[in-house]
Amino acid sequence: MKYSTLSDQELLNLFKGSDESAFKEIYLRYWKEVYKVAYKKIHDRELAEELTQNLFVDLWKRRETSVIQSLSAYLFGALKYAIINYFKSMIAQENYHLHLQTTEQPCASNSADHLALLNDLSEAINKGIALLPKKTGEVFKLSRIHNCSVKDISRQLNISEKAVEYHITQSLKTMRFHLKEYFVLALILGLLF
């Protein structure tokens, strides 16, 4: 079969069945365009390459669960969110470093302060989780603390993936409010997005 002659939809159908040749054709068909858009937005060749590679790796990992109507729209939408998340993390890191630079305390004291801050954050997270409904709290812990995927949580708790996504959304709303004092640190640790 000559994959280069297939339509995007035909490639997607084969790709969903874990056809590596279909994936290779999707990659060959779109990687340059994805890279060009990434580079145009961030002006860094190495980072644009990394975002492009990560996007296709993620596409392969989610091949069985992703709902893709239009391959082009999906790829460029995923790239848009990857770039947004990159800038969010850069802003959070810059804010955190700025905070560290503006504190005028000796290094040993800073280490103790950071440890105290992490302990306070941990306590605030536990209090926030205690405020959540039981199932929502379980989903939050599995998702954000144990880094389980939606699929794994669904299997582990015997609930649908949609229900897992609902619980994650609800828990994030509550936790963002409850952890607002620790927002930058929680953002850096990946708890709130």
Foldseek 3Di string as FASTA:
>chain_A
DDLLPDDLVVLLVVVLVVDVVSLVNLCVVPLVVQLVVLCVVPVDNVVSNVLSVVLSVVCSVCSNPDDDPDSVCVSVVSSVVVVVLVVVLVVLVVVVVVVVVPDPDDPVVVVVVVVVVVVVLVVLLVVLLVPDDPLLSVLLCCCQVVVDDLVVSCVVVVHDSVVSVVSNVVSLVSSCVSCVVVNSVCVNSPSRD
